[in-house]
């Protein structure tokens, strides 16, 4: 596994993305050779930089069309259509770049022939990779040791995430009575008295990693057996740490406080805080200059469609539990909660206006929160700010809920880009799983990843209510 932006990715998947970049670059270069002959290989260095630019634009377009979401399984027709759509967007972007910077122009014939070769190459590359995923080739074989609730969740995640890079080779529960009805028929279930012979089992089943998730560790924990496995080169990992690495979230219902205390992360040095604040102010200035006229235009539309103020203000809970007033464009009718009281927004909420529905889809209603960021009450990236009435309810039923207030709330965040809108206690728990992961691993590069994913969500309107 390779760690990027505080997340872990199978090296196989990194190879897939890099390999596809090489395929795109080579396809355009091949098109140049076909059209210009051998002299295409003897051009100046700028020609090769132009090919690299084309490759980057194409791969960014593929990313924003969800073609790097390896959990998505696509048939040949769907893959081809989305690929052509991505390359069409790439052509438009490159056309604008060529207008702005004429020196970046590559002969149109080369690009068009290159597109035909790219489609054939990428489709072939992706179906070869799908074959690798379906057969579990190059997967790391793991042993699930124990039969706690975490074991079930890890098993389900490995089964669901075909691209995770792991295969469950066998399970070793505390006792045979812990046999799970959801146990996959092809995965051996082996019980051992005091777990003796774990190293021998690992060698027999070619296990490379043991994931430990016991219900009760004090009386059953096989210290000597796991020590022998570790010394023999088999990786041993605590279940919560493995789940965090696998999914990019925690699991608050099953986390022991000692794990949070002793695990790595939660770094909040003064330098990090000052740097994050400086980036926030720089982005506020940039967005304010670029979007000023657009914000005025939206304010006029809101005022024309329905009676009431342009801005919607509401009390929210911020860093260290301090309350503040959040600013948004009003997307609902005036006094929307007069009869219902405080409630979560629902899908196709009838209180939302026509302009409001468009604003919510494109997240435009969130833009006035730039003022909250400027005042230091919010950050660009952080947990979603919640209302005090809901905070009081959730703190009573959701473990560790108060810990999300150790950082500033954000306009966007890790939970928002991974889970979308939440409108129930179950949703709040799932979003907290992501929020705690962010708080534990927050960094500038992770904030950048969240912002890039936010752009994709805005473009495609996922999770809108």
Protein backbone atom coordinates (compact mmCIF):
# COMPACT_ATOMS: atom_id res chain seq x y z
CA UNK A 1 0.00 0.00 0.00
CA UNK A 2 1.17 3.52 -0.85
CA UNK A 3 0.19 6.48 1.32
CA UNK A 4 -0.87 9.61 -0.59
CA UNK A 5 -2.74 12.60 0.88
CA UNK A 6 -3.01 10.68 4.18
CA UNK A 7 -4.85 7.87 2.41
CA UNK A 8 -3.63 4.42 1.44
CA UNK A 9 -3.85 3.13 -2.12
CA UNK A 10 -2.83 -0.29 -3.47
CA UNK A 11 0.36 0.07 -5.52
CA UNK A 12 -1.44 -1.89 -8.23
CA UNK A 13 -3.99 0.96 -8.57
CA UNK A 14 -1.23 3.58 -8.71
CA UNK A 15 0.38 1.52 -11.47
CA UNK A 16 -2.97 1.46 -13.30
CA UNK A 17 -3.29 5.29 -13.30
CA UNK A 18 0.35 5.82 -14.29
CA UNK A 19 0.08 3.12 -16.95
CA UNK A 20 -2.99 4.77 -18.43
CA UNK A 21 -1.10 8.09 -18.56
CA UNK A 22 1.71 6.39 -20.44
CA UNK A 23 -0.86 4.84 -22.80
CA UNK A 24 -2.41 8.24 -23.61
CA UNK A 25 1.00 9.86 -24.12
CA UNK A 26 2.17 7.00 -26.34
CA UNK A 27 -1.06 7.05 -28.37
CA UNK A 28 -0.69 10.73 -29.28
CA UNK A 29 3.01 10.20 -30.04
CA UNK A 30 2.11 7.24 -32.27
CA UNK A 31 -0.43 9.43 -34.09
CA UNK A 32 2.34 11.99 -34.74
CA UNK A 33 4.61 9.27 -36.14
CA UNK A 34 1.84 7.94 -38.39
CA UNK A 35 1.14 11.41 -39.81
CA UNK A 36 4.63 12.93 -39.88
CA UNK A 37 6.87 9.93 -40.14
CA UNK A 38 10.13 9.47 -38.27
CA UNK A 39 10.75 13.23 -38.08
CA UNK A 40 8.06 13.43 -35.38
CA UNK A 41 10.53 11.82 -32.98
CA UNK A 42 13.18 14.48 -33.61
CA UNK A 43 11.23 17.60 -32.65
CA UNK A 44 12.26 19.97 -29.87
CA UNK A 45 11.53 19.38 -26.20
CA UNK A 46 8.43 21.59 -26.30
CA UNK A 47 6.67 19.02 -28.47
CA UNK A 48 7.05 16.40 -25.75
CA UNK A 49 5.86 18.88 -23.11
CA UNK A 50 2.76 19.50 -25.22
CA UNK A 51 2.09 15.75 -25.28
CA UNK A 52 2.47 15.69 -21.50
CA UNK A 53 -0.04 18.57 -21.21
CA UNK A 54 -2.53 16.66 -23.40
CA UNK A 55 -2.07 13.61 -21.18
CA UNK A 56 -2.70 15.60 -17.98
CA UNK A 57 -5.85 17.24 -19.39
CA UNK A 58 -7.20 13.87 -20.55
CA UNK A 59 -6.56 12.19 -17.21
CA UNK A 60 -8.14 15.04 -15.25
CA UNK A 61 -11.20 14.74 -17.47
CA UNK A 62 -11.28 10.97 -16.91
CA UNK A 63 -11.13 11.59 -13.15
CA UNK A 64 -14.02 14.05 -13.20
CA UNK A 65 -16.10 11.56 -15.21
CA UNK A 66 -15.64 8.97 -12.43
CA UNK A 67 -13.48 6.79 -14.66
CA UNK A 68 -10.90 6.41 -11.90
CA UNK A 69 -13.49 5.16 -9.45
CA UNK A 70 -12.41 1.56 -9.71
CA UNK A 71 -15.39 0.39 -7.64
CA UNK A 72 -17.62 1.30 -10.58
CA UNK A 73 -18.06 -1.61 -12.97
CA UNK A 74 -18.84 -0.58 -16.52
CA UNK A 75 -19.68 -2.59 -19.62
CA UNK A 76 -18.02 -1.93 -22.95
CA UNK A 77 -20.76 0.43 -24.19
CA UNK A 78 -20.89 2.51 -21.01
CA UNK A 79 -17.11 2.69 -20.77
CA UNK A 80 -16.80 3.79 -24.39
CA UNK A 81 -19.47 6.49 -24.06
CA UNK A 82 -17.95 7.94 -20.89
CA UNK A 83 -14.51 7.76 -22.43
CA UNK A 84 -15.64 9.63 -25.54
CA UNK A 85 -17.36 12.20 -23.33
CA UNK A 86 -14.13 12.70 -21.36
CA UNK A 87 -12.08 13.07 -24.52
CA UNK A 88 -14.65 15.52 -25.91
CA UNK A 89 -14.31 17.67 -22.79
CA UNK A 90 -10.52 17.37 -23.10
CA UNK A 91 -10.71 18.63 -26.70
CA UNK A 92 -12.72 21.68 -25.59
CA UNK A 93 -10.31 22.46 -22.75
CA UNK A 94 -7.30 22.07 -25.05
CA UNK A 95 -8.97 24.32 -27.65
CA UNK A 96 -9.31 27.08 -25.03
CA UNK A 97 -5.70 26.55 -23.94
CA UNK A 98 -4.57 26.82 -27.55
CA UNK A 99 -6.49 30.09 -27.98
CA UNK A 100 -5.00 31.52 -24.80
CA UNK A 101 -1.51 30.12 -25.41
CA UNK A 102 -0.91 29.53 -29.17
CA UNK A 103 2.49 27.98 -28.47
CA UNK A 104 0.71 24.92 -26.96
CA UNK A 105 -0.94 23.99 -30.29
CA UNK A 106 -0.34 20.49 -31.62
CA UNK A 107 -1.47 19.76 -35.19
CA UNK A 108 -5.22 19.03 -35.16
CA UNK A 109 -4.71 15.93 -37.29
CA UNK A 110 -2.38 14.47 -34.67
CA UNK A 111 -4.94 15.04 -31.92
CA UNK A 112 -7.85 13.53 -33.88
CA UNK A 113 -5.91 10.41 -34.89
CA UNK A 114 -4.55 10.27 -31.34
CA UNK A 115 -8.10 10.25 -29.94
CA UNK A 116 -8.99 7.18 -32.04
CA UNK A 117 -5.88 5.36 -30.83
CA UNK A 118 -6.46 6.50 -27.21
CA UNK A 119 -10.01 5.07 -27.19
CA UNK A 120 -8.77 1.69 -28.41
CA UNK A 121 -5.78 1.68 -26.06
CA UNK A 122 -7.65 2.76 -22.92
CA UNK A 123 -10.57 0.37 -23.45
CA UNK A 124 -8.12 -2.51 -23.90
CA UNK A 125 -6.07 -1.38 -20.89
CA UNK A 126 -9.13 -1.11 -18.66
CA UNK A 127 -10.58 -4.48 -19.59
CA UNK A 128 -7.20 -6.09 -18.91
CA UNK A 129 -7.19 -4.37 -15.52
CA UNK A 130 -10.79 -5.48 -14.85
CA UNK A 131 -9.60 -9.04 -15.46
CA UNK A 132 -6.82 -8.52 -12.91
CA UNK A 133 -9.33 -7.20 -10.35
CA UNK A 134 -11.89 -9.95 -10.91
CA UNK A 135 -9.26 -12.66 -10.47
CA UNK A 136 -7.66 -10.96 -7.45
CA UNK A 137 -4.26 -11.03 -9.10
CA UNK A 138 -1.52 -9.34 -7.04
CA UNK A 139 -3.88 -9.07 -4.04
CA UNK A 140 -2.34 -9.26 -0.57
CA UNK A 141 -3.71 -12.27 1.30
CA UNK A 142 -4.93 -11.53 4.83
CA UNK A 143 -6.06 -13.50 7.86
CA UNK A 144 -8.96 -12.14 9.95
CA UNK A 145 -8.15 -13.07 13.54
CA UNK A 146 -11.06 -12.79 15.96
CA UNK A 147 -14.81 -12.54 15.56
CA UNK A 148 -15.78 -9.11 16.81
CA UNK A 149 -18.22 -6.87 14.99
CA UNK A 150 -15.26 -5.20 13.33
CA UNK A 151 -14.37 -8.49 11.62
CA UNK A 152 -17.72 -8.52 9.84
CA UNK A 153 -17.27 -4.94 8.67
CA UNK A 154 -13.76 -5.57 7.40
CA UNK A 155 -14.92 -8.70 5.57
CA UNK A 156 -17.78 -6.78 3.95
CA UNK A 157 -15.51 -3.90 2.88
CA UNK A 158 -12.93 -6.24 1.33
CA UNK A 159 -15.71 -8.05 -0.54
CA UNK A 160 -17.31 -4.80 -1.76
CA UNK A 161 -14.10 -3.00 -2.70
CA UNK A 162 -12.80 -5.13 -5.54
CA UNK A 163 -9.95 -2.67 -6.03
CA UNK A 164 -8.82 -2.66 -2.37
CA UNK A 165 -5.85 -4.94 -3.04
CA UNK A 166 -6.74 -7.58 -0.41
CA UNK A 167 -8.16 -11.09 -0.37
CA UNK A 168 -9.39 -12.78 2.82
CA UNK A 169 -7.44 -16.06 2.82
CA UNK A 170 -8.95 -17.45 6.05
CA UNK A 171 -10.64 -16.48 9.30
CA UNK A 172 -9.68 -17.64 12.78
CA UNK A 173 -12.45 -16.80 15.29
CA UNK A 174 -12.26 -17.05 19.09
CA UNK A 175 -14.34 -20.23 19.06
CA UNK A 176 -16.45 -22.30 16.67
CA UNK A 177 -19.62 -20.86 18.23
CA UNK A 178 -18.64 -17.55 16.63
CA UNK A 179 -19.18 -18.91 13.15
CA UNK A 180 -20.92 -16.25 11.10
CA UNK A 181 -23.77 -17.05 8.70
CA UNK A 182 -22.36 -14.39 6.39
CA UNK A 183 -19.06 -16.23 6.23
CA UNK A 184 -18.08 -16.61 2.53
CA UNK A 185 -18.20 -20.31 1.56
CA UNK A 186 -14.80 -20.15 -0.15
CA UNK A 187 -12.96 -18.78 2.91
CA UNK A 188 -11.74 -21.43 5.40
CA UNK A 189 -12.88 -20.98 9.02
CA UNK A 190 -10.33 -22.49 11.40
CA UNK A 191 -10.49 -22.60 15.22
CA UNK A 192 -7.33 -23.23 17.24
CA UNK A 193 -6.95 -23.80 20.99
CA UNK A 194 -5.27 -20.64 22.32
CA UNK A 195 -4.54 -19.81 18.67
CA UNK A 196 -1.47 -22.01 18.53
CA UNK A 197 0.25 -22.45 15.20
CA UNK A 198 -0.74 -19.10 13.68
CA UNK A 199 2.63 -18.79 11.94
CA UNK A 200 2.24 -22.28 10.41
CA UNK A 201 -1.30 -21.43 9.27
CA UNK A 202 -0.06 -18.19 7.72
CA UNK A 203 2.61 -20.00 5.74
CA UNK A 204 0.20 -22.70 4.58
CA UNK A 205 -2.34 -20.16 3.30
CA UNK A 206 0.34 -17.70 2.08
CA UNK A 207 -0.95 -14.99 4.43
CA UNK A 208 0.97 -11.71 4.29
CA UNK A 209 -1.01 -9.74 6.87
CA UNK A 210 -2.96 -10.67 10.02
CA UNK A 211 -5.80 -8.33 11.01
CA UNK A 212 -6.69 -8.63 14.70
CA UNK A 213 -10.18 -7.71 15.96
CA UNK A 214 -11.13 -9.53 19.17
CA UNK A 215 -14.26 -8.97 21.20
CA UNK A 216 -12.25 -9.40 24.41
CA UNK A 217 -8.46 -9.07 24.35
CA UNK A 218 -7.49 -9.56 27.99
CA UNK A 219 -7.96 -13.30 28.33
CA UNK A 220 -7.55 -14.47 24.74
CA UNK A 221 -4.88 -12.29 23.16
CA UNK A 222 -2.24 -14.66 21.66
CA UNK A 223 0.82 -12.52 22.35
CA UNK A 224 3.48 -15.18 21.76
CA UNK A 225 1.89 -16.51 18.56
CA UNK A 226 1.51 -13.03 17.05
CA UNK A 227 5.05 -12.15 18.10
CA UNK A 228 6.34 -15.21 16.26
CA UNK A 229 4.35 -14.21 13.14
CA UNK A 230 5.72 -10.67 13.30
CA UNK A 231 9.32 -11.86 13.69
CA UNK A 232 8.87 -14.19 10.71
CA UNK A 233 7.94 -11.21 8.53
CA UNK A 234 4.13 -11.43 8.59
CA UNK A 235 2.54 -8.01 9.11
CA UNK A 236 0.21 -7.81 12.12
CA UNK A 237 -2.31 -4.97 12.23
CA UNK A 238 -4.97 -3.91 14.70
CA UNK A 239 -8.47 -4.04 13.19
CA UNK A 240 -9.42 -0.39 13.59
CA UNK A 241 -6.15 0.74 11.99
CA UNK A 242 -6.70 -1.62 9.06
CA UNK A 243 -10.30 -0.44 8.62
CA UNK A 244 -9.14 3.17 8.66
CA UNK A 245 -6.51 2.45 6.02
CA UNK A 246 -8.96 0.47 3.89
CA UNK A 247 -11.93 2.86 3.92
CA UNK A 248 -10.71 6.39 4.70
CA UNK A 249 -12.96 6.56 7.77
CA UNK A 250 -13.15 5.35 11.37
CA UNK A 251 -15.94 3.38 12.99
CA UNK A 252 -17.03 5.15 16.16
CA UNK A 253 -19.30 2.38 17.48
CA UNK A 254 -16.36 -0.03 17.76
CA UNK A 255 -13.42 2.23 18.60
CA UNK A 256 -11.79 1.81 21.99
CA UNK A 257 -10.71 5.17 23.53
CA UNK A 258 -7.19 3.79 24.05
CA UNK A 259 -6.86 3.27 20.29
CA UNK A 260 -7.62 6.95 19.68
CA UNK A 261 -5.20 7.98 22.42
CA UNK A 262 -2.23 5.95 21.19
CA UNK A 263 -2.76 5.96 17.42
CA UNK A 264 -0.85 8.36 15.19
CA UNK A 265 -2.44 11.59 14.05
CA UNK A 266 -4.37 14.52 15.56
CA UNK A 267 -1.41 16.82 14.89
CA UNK A 268 -2.46 20.44 15.43
CA UNK A 269 0.73 22.42 15.78
CA UNK A 270 0.66 26.21 15.73
CA UNK A 271 2.51 26.23 12.38
CA UNK A 272 -0.20 24.02 10.81
CA UNK A 273 -2.98 26.25 12.15
CA UNK A 274 -1.32 29.46 10.93
CA UNK A 275 -0.68 27.95 7.50
CA UNK A 276 -4.27 26.68 7.19
CA UNK A 277 -5.57 30.12 8.18
CA UNK A 278 -3.33 31.83 5.62
CA UNK A 279 -4.58 29.50 2.86
CA UNK A 280 -8.19 30.21 3.90
CA UNK A 281 -7.68 33.97 3.66
CA UNK A 282 -5.93 33.64 0.29
CA UNK A 283 -8.83 31.57 -1.09
CA UNK A 284 -11.42 34.01 0.28
CA UNK A 285 -9.64 36.87 -1.49
CA UNK A 286 -9.39 34.88 -4.74
CA UNK A 287 -13.04 33.72 -4.72
CA UNK A 288 -14.25 37.17 -3.67
CA UNK A 289 -12.55 38.82 -6.65
CA UNK A 290 -13.65 36.16 -9.15
CA UNK A 291 -17.21 35.65 -7.95
CA UNK A 292 -18.22 39.14 -6.78
CA UNK A 293 -20.42 40.02 -9.82
CA UNK A 294 -21.90 36.49 -9.86
CA UNK A 295 -22.91 36.74 -6.19
CA UNK A 296 -24.72 40.03 -6.89
CA UNK A 297 -26.53 38.37 -9.81
CA UNK A 298 -27.66 35.46 -7.59
CA UNK A 299 -28.88 37.88 -4.94
CA UNK A 300 -31.09 39.60 -7.54
CA UNK A 301 -32.55 36.24 -8.70
CA UNK A 302 -33.40 35.23 -5.13
CA UNK A 303 -35.12 38.54 -4.49
CA UNK A 304 -37.10 38.36 -7.73
CA UNK A 305 -38.43 34.85 -7.18
CA UNK A 306 -39.77 34.97 -3.62
CA UNK A 307 -40.39 37.37 -0.78
CA UNK A 308 -37.90 37.51 2.02
CA UNK A 309 -34.25 38.32 2.66
CA UNK A 310 -31.48 37.35 0.26
CA UNK A 311 -29.36 35.79 2.98
CA UNK A 312 -30.31 33.06 5.39
CA UNK A 313 -28.66 33.15 8.81
CA UNK A 314 -28.72 30.38 11.37
CA UNK A 315 -27.00 29.56 14.64
CA UNK A 316 -24.34 26.86 14.28
CA UNK A 317 -21.84 25.20 16.62
CA UNK A 318 -18.22 25.92 15.72
CA UNK A 319 -14.73 25.16 17.04
CA UNK A 320 -14.58 24.32 20.76
CA UNK A 321 -18.38 24.34 20.91
CA UNK A 322 -18.68 28.10 20.36
CA UNK A 323 -21.84 29.25 18.59
CA UNK A 324 -21.77 31.56 15.59
CA UNK A 325 -24.13 32.76 12.85
CA UNK A 326 -23.65 31.05 9.48
CA UNK A 327 -24.50 32.92 6.27
CA UNK A 328 -26.05 31.29 3.20
CA UNK A 329 -28.12 32.35 0.23
CA UNK A 330 -31.77 31.68 1.08
CA UNK A 331 -32.82 28.59 -0.88
CA UNK A 332 -36.17 27.95 0.85
CA UNK A 333 -39.35 29.94 1.23
CA UNK A 334 -39.34 32.49 4.03
CA UNK A 335 -40.02 31.07 7.53
CA UNK A 336 -39.65 27.50 6.22
CA UNK A 337 -39.52 26.04 9.75
CA UNK A 338 -42.38 28.09 11.20
CA UNK A 339 -44.72 25.10 11.27
CA UNK A 340 -42.35 22.13 11.23
CA UNK A 341 -39.73 23.37 13.69
CA UNK A 342 -36.03 22.40 13.31
CA UNK A 343 -35.82 19.47 10.89
CA UNK A 344 -33.21 18.08 8.52
CA UNK A 345 -33.75 18.88 4.84
CA UNK A 346 -35.30 15.99 2.92
CA UNK A 347 -34.88 14.88 -0.67
CA UNK A 348 -37.12 16.94 -3.01
CA UNK A 349 -37.99 19.17 -0.05
CA UNK A 350 -41.12 21.18 -1.02
CA UNK A 351 -39.83 24.19 0.94
CA UNK A 352 -37.00 24.71 -1.56
CA UNK A 353 -37.59 27.37 -4.22
CA UNK A 354 -36.82 26.91 -7.94
CA UNK A 355 -33.73 29.12 -7.74
CA UNK A 356 -32.88 27.44 -4.46
CA UNK A 357 -32.94 23.99 -6.06
CA UNK A 358 -30.40 25.11 -8.66
CA UNK A 359 -28.25 26.75 -6.00
CA UNK A 360 -28.28 23.61 -3.85
CA UNK A 361 -27.39 21.40 -6.80
CA UNK A 362 -24.36 23.55 -7.61
CA UNK A 363 -23.62 24.37 -3.92
CA UNK A 364 -24.00 28.09 -4.72
CA UNK A 365 -26.04 28.63 -1.54
CA UNK A 366 -22.87 27.89 0.47
CA UNK A 367 -20.83 30.75 -1.05
CA UNK A 368 -21.81 33.46 1.50
CA UNK A 369 -19.97 31.34 4.08
CA UNK A 370 -16.84 32.94 2.62
CA UNK A 371 -17.66 35.72 5.10
CA UNK A 372 -17.56 33.21 7.96
CA UNK A 373 -14.19 31.97 6.71
CA UNK A 374 -12.91 35.57 6.56
CA UNK A 375 -14.04 36.16 10.14
CA UNK A 376 -12.21 33.03 11.29
CA UNK A 377 -15.35 31.16 12.36
CA UNK A 378 -14.99 28.57 9.59
CA UNK A 379 -12.38 27.09 7.30
CA UNK A 380 -12.67 26.05 3.67
CA UNK A 381 -12.27 22.39 4.66
CA UNK A 382 -13.59 20.87 7.87
CA UNK A 383 -16.59 19.05 9.38
CA UNK A 384 -20.00 20.33 8.31
CA UNK A 385 -21.29 22.90 10.85
CA UNK A 386 -24.33 21.60 12.73
CA UNK A 387 -27.15 23.30 14.58
CA UNK A 388 -27.07 23.33 18.37
CA UNK A 389 -30.48 21.64 18.64
CA UNK A 390 -29.18 18.65 16.65
CA UNK A 391 -25.80 18.66 18.41
CA UNK A 392 -27.50 18.23 21.78
CA UNK A 393 -29.49 15.28 20.44
CA UNK A 394 -26.55 13.61 18.71
CA UNK A 395 -24.15 13.95 21.65
CA UNK A 396 -26.45 11.71 23.70
CA UNK A 397 -26.45 8.82 21.21
CA UNK A 398 -23.31 9.14 19.05
CA UNK A 399 -19.92 8.22 20.60
CA UNK A 400 -17.13 10.82 20.29
CA UNK A 401 -19.47 13.32 18.64
CA UNK A 402 -18.01 16.19 20.65
CA UNK A 403 -14.54 15.53 19.19
CA UNK A 404 -15.56 17.01 15.82
CA UNK A 405 -15.54 20.45 17.46
CA UNK A 406 -11.77 20.38 18.01
CA UNK A 407 -11.36 21.98 14.55
CA UNK A 408 -13.18 24.71 12.66
CA UNK A 409 -16.20 23.63 10.60
CA UNK A 410 -15.79 23.84 6.83
CA UNK A 411 -17.67 24.91 3.73
CA UNK A 412 -16.74 21.48 2.38
CA UNK A 413 -15.17 18.49 4.07
CA UNK A 414 -14.04 14.88 3.92
CA UNK A 415 -17.46 13.63 5.04
CA UNK A 416 -19.30 15.78 2.50
CA UNK A 417 -17.26 14.54 -0.47
CA UNK A 418 -17.44 10.89 0.60
CA UNK A 419 -20.95 10.54 2.01
CA UNK A 420 -23.07 13.50 0.97
CA UNK A 421 -25.97 14.98 2.91
CA UNK A 422 -27.11 13.39 6.19
CA UNK A 423 -30.68 13.54 7.48
CA UNK A 424 -30.80 10.98 10.29
CA UNK A 425 -28.88 9.74 13.33
CA UNK A 426 -27.47 6.87 11.23
CA UNK A 427 -26.23 9.39 8.68
CA UNK A 428 -24.72 11.51 11.46
CA UNK A 429 -22.79 8.49 12.76
CA UNK A 430 -21.47 7.65 9.29
CA UNK A 431 -20.44 11.26 8.66
CA UNK A 432 -18.69 11.35 12.05
CA UNK A 433 -16.67 8.31 10.94
CA UNK A 434 -15.32 10.42 8.07
CA UNK A 435 -14.98 13.61 10.15
CA UNK A 436 -12.83 11.87 12.76
CA UNK A 437 -10.64 10.42 10.02
CA UNK A 438 -10.15 13.95 8.66
CA UNK A 439 -9.39 15.43 12.10
CA UNK A 440 -6.92 12.61 12.76
CA UNK A 441 -5.14 12.97 9.40
CA UNK A 442 -5.72 16.60 8.41
CA UNK A 443 -3.01 18.21 6.29
CA UNK A 444 -2.67 20.69 3.44
CA UNK A 445 -2.53 17.91 0.85
CA UNK A 446 -5.67 16.29 2.26
CA UNK A 447 -7.45 19.66 2.10
CA UNK A 448 -6.38 19.93 -1.54
CA UNK A 449 -7.82 16.48 -2.26
CA UNK A 450 -11.13 17.48 -0.63
CA UNK A 451 -11.30 20.65 -2.76
CA UNK A 452 -10.63 18.66 -5.95
CA UNK A 453 -13.38 16.18 -5.05
CA UNK A 454 -15.72 19.06 -4.22
CA UNK A 455 -15.31 20.40 -7.76
CA UNK A 456 -16.34 17.00 -9.11
CA UNK A 457 -19.41 16.89 -6.85
CA UNK A 458 -20.45 20.39 -7.90
CA UNK A 459 -20.14 19.42 -11.57
CA UNK A 460 -22.22 16.25 -11.21
CA UNK A 461 -24.55 17.27 -8.36
CA UNK A 462 -24.09 14.24 -6.06
CA UNK A 463 -25.75 14.27 -2.64
CA UNK A 464 -28.07 17.25 -3.24
CA UNK A 465 -31.14 17.96 -1.07
